[in-house]
Structure formats: structure tokens, C-alpha cells
Amino acid sequence: MRTAIVLHDPGIGEQKVEISGWLVEVGDEVIEGDRVLECVTRGATFDVQAPLSGKLIRVTTPVGTQVKPMDILGWLETGHINHRSIGDNWEPL
């Protein structure tokens, strides 16, 4: 199943938000809640987290792109994660 990584409203009003860096690369596996990218606005930097566990399969907003709340930033392929990448305490999705 594919899941969108979406910029939720950071509560900064009409300020511009820019993608300042992806913290994972296409093909990397992430766990729900992992930081996947960093955004910057005038006076603040904040992270966007993985909404679910999965593998990053597509980046739709490269570094330097200006975005607004509810824009799709990338896509995850969700499902089973290789347990070796998350340690002994794992459960299949």
C-alpha cells in the first residue's frame, strides 16, 4: 500500500515553508514517527515525520521547493519491514 507524506499545518499562518533537506533517501526504510525531512520558514525549522512504517519510494518535493499545508512531499510503500533494521522488538504490520 502506498501512503503519502504530507505537510500538516505547522501553525505559522501565511509564512512560506521551504524543504531544506531530506533526511532519508529513496529506498530507505523508515519507522512510523521517524524524521524524514526538514522544513524551514522565517525564524523556525521543523521536521516532518513518517506517517507509517515503510520504504521511501518517491520524493515529490526536492530540496528548495516551497510548499504549503496538505502538499504531498513524498510517498512510502508501507507493509512488512525487515526486522533486522529495527531490532528485536518488532511486529509485522
N, C-alpha and C. Protein backbone atom coordinates (compact mmCIF):
# COMPACT_ATOMS: atom_id res chain seq x y z
N MET A 1 0.84 -1.16 0.00
CA MET A 1 0.00 0.00 0.00
C MET A 1 0.89 1.24 0.00
N ARG A 2 0.51 2.24 -0.74
CA ARG A 2 1.27 3.49 -0.78
C ARG A 2 0.62 4.53 0.12
N THR A 3 1.45 5.26 0.82
CA THR A 3 0.99 6.29 1.75
C THR A 3 1.75 7.58 1.47
N ALA A 4 1.02 8.68 1.40
CA ALA A 4 1.63 9.98 1.15
C ALA A 4 2.25 10.54 2.42
N ILE A 5 3.38 11.21 2.24
CA ILE A 5 3.97 12.02 3.30
C ILE A 5 3.47 13.43 3.03
N VAL A 6 2.71 13.98 3.97
CA VAL A 6 2.01 15.25 3.77
C VAL A 6 2.52 16.28 4.78
N LEU A 7 2.62 17.53 4.33
CA LEU A 7 2.94 18.61 5.24
C LEU A 7 1.66 19.02 5.95
N HIS A 8 1.61 18.74 7.25
CA HIS A 8 0.46 19.17 8.05
C HIS A 8 0.67 20.62 8.45
N ASP A 9 -0.38 21.31 8.79
CA ASP A 9 -0.31 22.73 9.12
C ASP A 9 0.61 22.94 10.32
N PRO A 10 1.74 23.63 10.12
CA PRO A 10 2.66 23.85 11.23
C PRO A 10 2.25 25.02 12.12
N GLY A 11 1.13 25.66 11.82
CA GLY A 11 0.62 26.74 12.65
C GLY A 11 1.42 28.03 12.55
N ILE A 12 1.89 28.34 11.35
CA ILE A 12 2.71 29.54 11.16
C ILE A 12 2.03 30.57 10.27
N GLY A 13 0.74 30.41 10.06
CA GLY A 13 -0.01 31.37 9.25
C GLY A 13 0.35 31.28 7.79
N GLU A 14 0.55 32.44 7.17
CA GLU A 14 0.80 32.51 5.73
C GLU A 14 2.29 32.49 5.36
N GLN A 15 3.17 32.24 6.31
CA GLN A 15 4.60 32.22 6.01
C GLN A 15 4.93 31.12 5.01
N LYS A 16 5.93 31.38 4.18
CA LYS A 16 6.39 30.38 3.21
C LYS A 16 7.17 29.29 3.94
N VAL A 17 6.98 28.06 3.48
CA VAL A 17 7.70 26.91 4.03
C VAL A 17 8.54 26.33 2.90
N GLU A 18 9.80 26.06 3.18
CA GLU A 18 10.70 25.51 2.16
C GLU A 18 11.29 24.19 2.65
N ILE A 19 11.40 23.23 1.74
CA ILE A 19 12.06 21.97 2.06
C ILE A 19 13.56 22.26 2.13
N SER A 20 14.15 22.05 3.31
CA SER A 20 15.57 22.35 3.46
C SER A 20 16.45 21.11 3.39
N GLY A 21 15.86 19.92 3.57
CA GLY A 21 16.66 18.72 3.46
C GLY A 21 15.87 17.45 3.70
N TRP A 22 16.10 16.46 2.85
CA TRP A 22 15.55 15.13 3.09
C TRP A 22 16.55 14.40 3.97
N LEU A 23 16.07 13.74 5.01
CA LEU A 23 16.92 13.05 5.97
C LEU A 23 17.06 11.57 5.64
N VAL A 24 16.28 11.10 4.67
CA VAL A 24 16.37 9.73 4.18
C VAL A 24 16.40 9.79 2.66
N GLU A 25 16.86 8.70 2.05
CA GLU A 25 16.94 8.63 0.60
C GLU A 25 15.91 7.63 0.07
N VAL A 26 15.56 7.78 -1.19
CA VAL A 26 14.66 6.82 -1.83
C VAL A 26 15.27 5.43 -1.65
N GLY A 27 14.43 4.50 -1.20
CA GLY A 27 14.88 3.14 -0.94
C GLY A 27 15.13 2.86 0.53
N ASP A 28 15.26 3.90 1.34
CA ASP A 28 15.49 3.72 2.78
C ASP A 28 14.19 3.31 3.46
N GLU A 29 14.33 2.43 4.45
CA GLU A 29 13.19 2.04 5.27
C GLU A 29 13.10 2.97 6.48
N VAL A 30 11.88 3.32 6.84
CA VAL A 30 11.64 4.20 7.99
C VAL A 30 10.60 3.55 8.89
N ILE A 31 10.60 3.97 10.13
CA ILE A 31 9.63 3.52 11.10
C ILE A 31 8.70 4.69 11.41
N GLU A 32 7.43 4.40 11.59
CA GLU A 32 6.46 5.45 11.91
C GLU A 32 7.02 6.40 12.97
N GLY A 33 6.99 7.69 12.68
CA GLY A 33 7.49 8.69 13.61
C GLY A 33 8.92 9.13 13.33
N ASP A 34 9.64 8.38 12.48
CA ASP A 34 11.00 8.80 12.12
C ASP A 34 10.97 10.15 11.41
N ARG A 35 11.98 10.95 11.64
CA ARG A 35 12.14 12.21 10.92
C ARG A 35 12.56 11.87 9.49
N VAL A 36 11.81 12.37 8.51
CA VAL A 36 12.14 12.07 7.12
C VAL A 36 12.61 13.29 6.34
N LEU A 37 12.16 14.48 6.73
CA LEU A 37 12.65 15.68 6.07
C LEU A 37 12.55 16.87 6.99
N GLU A 38 13.30 17.89 6.62
CA GLU A 38 13.35 19.11 7.42
C GLU A 38 12.82 20.27 6.58
N CYS A 39 12.02 21.11 7.22
CA CYS A 39 11.47 22.30 6.57
C CYS A 39 11.95 23.53 7.32
N VAL A 40 11.99 24.64 6.60
CA VAL A 40 12.41 25.89 7.22
C VAL A 40 11.45 26.99 6.80
N THR A 41 11.22 27.89 7.73
CA THR A 41 10.43 29.08 7.48
C THR A 41 11.13 30.22 8.21
N ARG A 42 10.71 31.41 7.99
CA ARG A 42 11.37 32.54 8.63
C ARG A 42 11.36 32.35 10.15
N GLY A 43 12.54 32.11 10.71
CA GLY A 43 12.66 32.01 12.15
C GLY A 43 12.42 30.64 12.76
N ALA A 44 12.12 29.63 11.96
CA ALA A 44 11.84 28.31 12.54
C ALA A 44 12.25 27.19 11.59
N THR A 45 12.71 26.11 12.18
CA THR A 45 13.00 24.88 11.45
C THR A 45 12.20 23.78 12.13
N PHE A 46 11.59 22.91 11.33
CA PHE A 46 10.83 21.80 11.92
C PHE A 46 10.94 20.58 11.02
N ASP A 47 10.66 19.42 11.59
CA ASP A 47 10.77 18.15 10.89
C ASP A 47 9.39 17.63 10.50
N VAL A 48 9.36 16.84 9.45
CA VAL A 48 8.17 16.09 9.07
C VAL A 48 8.49 14.63 9.35
N GLN A 49 7.56 13.95 10.00
CA GLN A 49 7.75 12.55 10.39
C GLN A 49 7.06 11.60 9.44
N ALA A 50 7.57 10.37 9.41
CA ALA A 50 6.93 9.31 8.62
C ALA A 50 5.58 8.99 9.24
N PRO A 51 4.49 9.01 8.43
CA PRO A 51 3.17 8.73 8.99
C PRO A 51 2.97 7.25 9.34
N LEU A 52 3.70 6.37 8.67
CA LEU A 52 3.65 4.93 8.90
C LEU A 52 5.03 4.35 8.64
N SER A 53 5.25 3.11 9.02
CA SER A 53 6.49 2.43 8.68
C SER A 53 6.45 1.99 7.23
N GLY A 54 7.59 2.05 6.57
CA GLY A 54 7.65 1.63 5.18
C GLY A 54 8.95 2.04 4.53
N LYS A 55 8.95 2.01 3.19
CA LYS A 55 10.13 2.36 2.41
C LYS A 55 9.81 3.60 1.59
N LEU A 56 10.72 4.59 1.62
CA LEU A 56 10.54 5.79 0.81
C LEU A 56 10.73 5.39 -0.66
N ILE A 57 9.66 5.58 -1.46
CA ILE A 57 9.74 5.17 -2.86
C ILE A 57 9.77 6.35 -3.82
N ARG A 58 9.39 7.55 -3.34
CA ARG A 58 9.39 8.69 -4.26
C ARG A 58 9.43 9.99 -3.46
N VAL A 59 10.25 10.92 -3.94
CA VAL A 59 10.30 12.28 -3.41
C VAL A 59 9.62 13.16 -4.44
N THR A 60 8.57 13.85 -4.05
CA THR A 60 7.85 14.72 -5.00
C THR A 60 8.21 16.19 -4.83
N THR A 61 8.89 16.52 -3.73
CA THR A 61 9.30 17.91 -3.48
C THR A 61 10.78 17.94 -3.13
N PRO A 62 11.63 18.27 -4.08
CA PRO A 62 13.06 18.30 -3.80
C PRO A 62 13.44 19.47 -2.89
N VAL A 63 14.66 19.42 -2.39
CA VAL A 63 15.19 20.49 -1.55
C VAL A 63 15.08 21.82 -2.30
N GLY A 64 14.65 22.84 -1.57
CA GLY A 64 14.49 24.17 -2.14
C GLY A 64 13.08 24.48 -2.61
N THR A 65 12.20 23.48 -2.64
CA THR A 65 10.82 23.67 -3.06
C THR A 65 10.02 24.35 -1.96
N GLN A 66 9.21 25.33 -2.33
CA GLN A 66 8.30 25.95 -1.37
C GLN A 66 6.99 25.16 -1.39
N VAL A 67 6.47 24.89 -0.19
CA VAL A 67 5.27 24.07 -0.04
C VAL A 67 4.29 24.75 0.89
N LYS A 68 3.07 24.23 0.90
CA LYS A 68 2.03 24.73 1.79
C LYS A 68 1.37 23.54 2.47
N PRO A 69 0.64 23.77 3.57
CA PRO A 69 -0.01 22.67 4.26
C PRO A 69 -0.87 21.82 3.31
N MET A 70 -0.80 20.52 3.53
CA MET A 70 -1.52 19.47 2.81
C MET A 70 -0.88 19.13 1.46
N ASP A 71 0.27 19.74 1.12
CA ASP A 71 1.01 19.31 -0.07
C ASP A 71 1.60 17.94 0.18
N ILE A 72 1.66 17.11 -0.86
CA ILE A 72 2.30 15.80 -0.77
C ILE A 72 3.79 16.00 -1.02
N LEU A 73 4.60 15.53 -0.09
CA LEU A 73 6.04 15.73 -0.15
C LEU A 73 6.77 14.51 -0.69
N GLY A 74 6.19 13.34 -0.51
CA GLY A 74 6.80 12.09 -0.96
C GLY A 74 5.84 10.95 -0.71
N TRP A 75 6.31 9.74 -1.07
CA TRP A 75 5.47 8.54 -0.95
C TRP A 75 6.24 7.41 -0.28
N LEU A 76 5.53 6.69 0.59
CA LEU A 76 6.05 5.48 1.22
C LEU A 76 5.32 4.27 0.69
N GLU A 77 6.03 3.18 0.51
CA GLU A 77 5.42 1.87 0.29
C GLU A 77 5.38 1.24 1.67
N THR A 78 4.18 1.01 2.20
CA THR A 78 4.05 0.50 3.56
C THR A 78 3.80 -0.99 3.53
N GLY A 79 4.06 -1.61 4.65
CA GLY A 79 3.89 -3.05 4.76
C GLY A 79 4.93 -3.61 5.69
N HIS A 80 5.34 -4.82 5.45
CA HIS A 80 6.30 -5.51 6.31
C HIS A 80 7.67 -4.85 6.22
N ILE A 81 8.29 -4.62 7.37
CA ILE A 81 9.64 -4.07 7.47
C ILE A 81 10.58 -5.20 7.89
N ASN A 82 11.74 -5.25 7.30
CA ASN A 82 12.76 -6.23 7.67
C ASN A 82 13.10 -6.03 9.15
N HIS A 83 12.83 -7.04 9.98
CA HIS A 83 13.01 -6.89 11.41
C HIS A 83 14.45 -6.61 11.81
N ARG A 84 15.42 -6.99 11.00
CA ARG A 84 16.82 -6.71 11.35
C ARG A 84 17.10 -5.22 11.38
N SER A 85 16.29 -4.43 10.64
CA SER A 85 16.56 -3.00 10.60
C SER A 85 15.97 -2.25 11.81
N ILE A 86 15.15 -2.95 12.63
CA ILE A 86 14.52 -2.26 13.77
C ILE A 86 14.75 -2.99 15.09
N GLY A 87 15.58 -3.99 15.12
CA GLY A 87 15.93 -4.64 16.37
C GLY A 87 15.05 -5.82 16.70
N ASP A 88 15.13 -6.26 17.94
CA ASP A 88 14.44 -7.48 18.39
C ASP A 88 12.96 -7.28 18.66
N ASN A 89 12.53 -6.09 18.99
CA ASN A 89 11.14 -5.85 19.37
C ASN A 89 10.35 -5.38 18.17
N TRP A 90 10.04 -6.28 17.28
CA TRP A 90 9.31 -5.91 16.06
C TRP A 90 8.04 -6.73 15.95
N GLU A 91 7.09 -6.17 15.23
CA GLU A 91 5.86 -6.88 14.90
C GLU A 91 5.54 -6.59 13.44
N PRO A 92 5.08 -7.59 12.69
CA PRO A 92 4.70 -7.31 11.30
C PRO A 92 3.51 -6.36 11.27
N LEU A 93 3.46 -5.54 10.24
CA LEU A 93 2.35 -4.59 10.09
C LEU A 93 1.12 -5.28 9.57
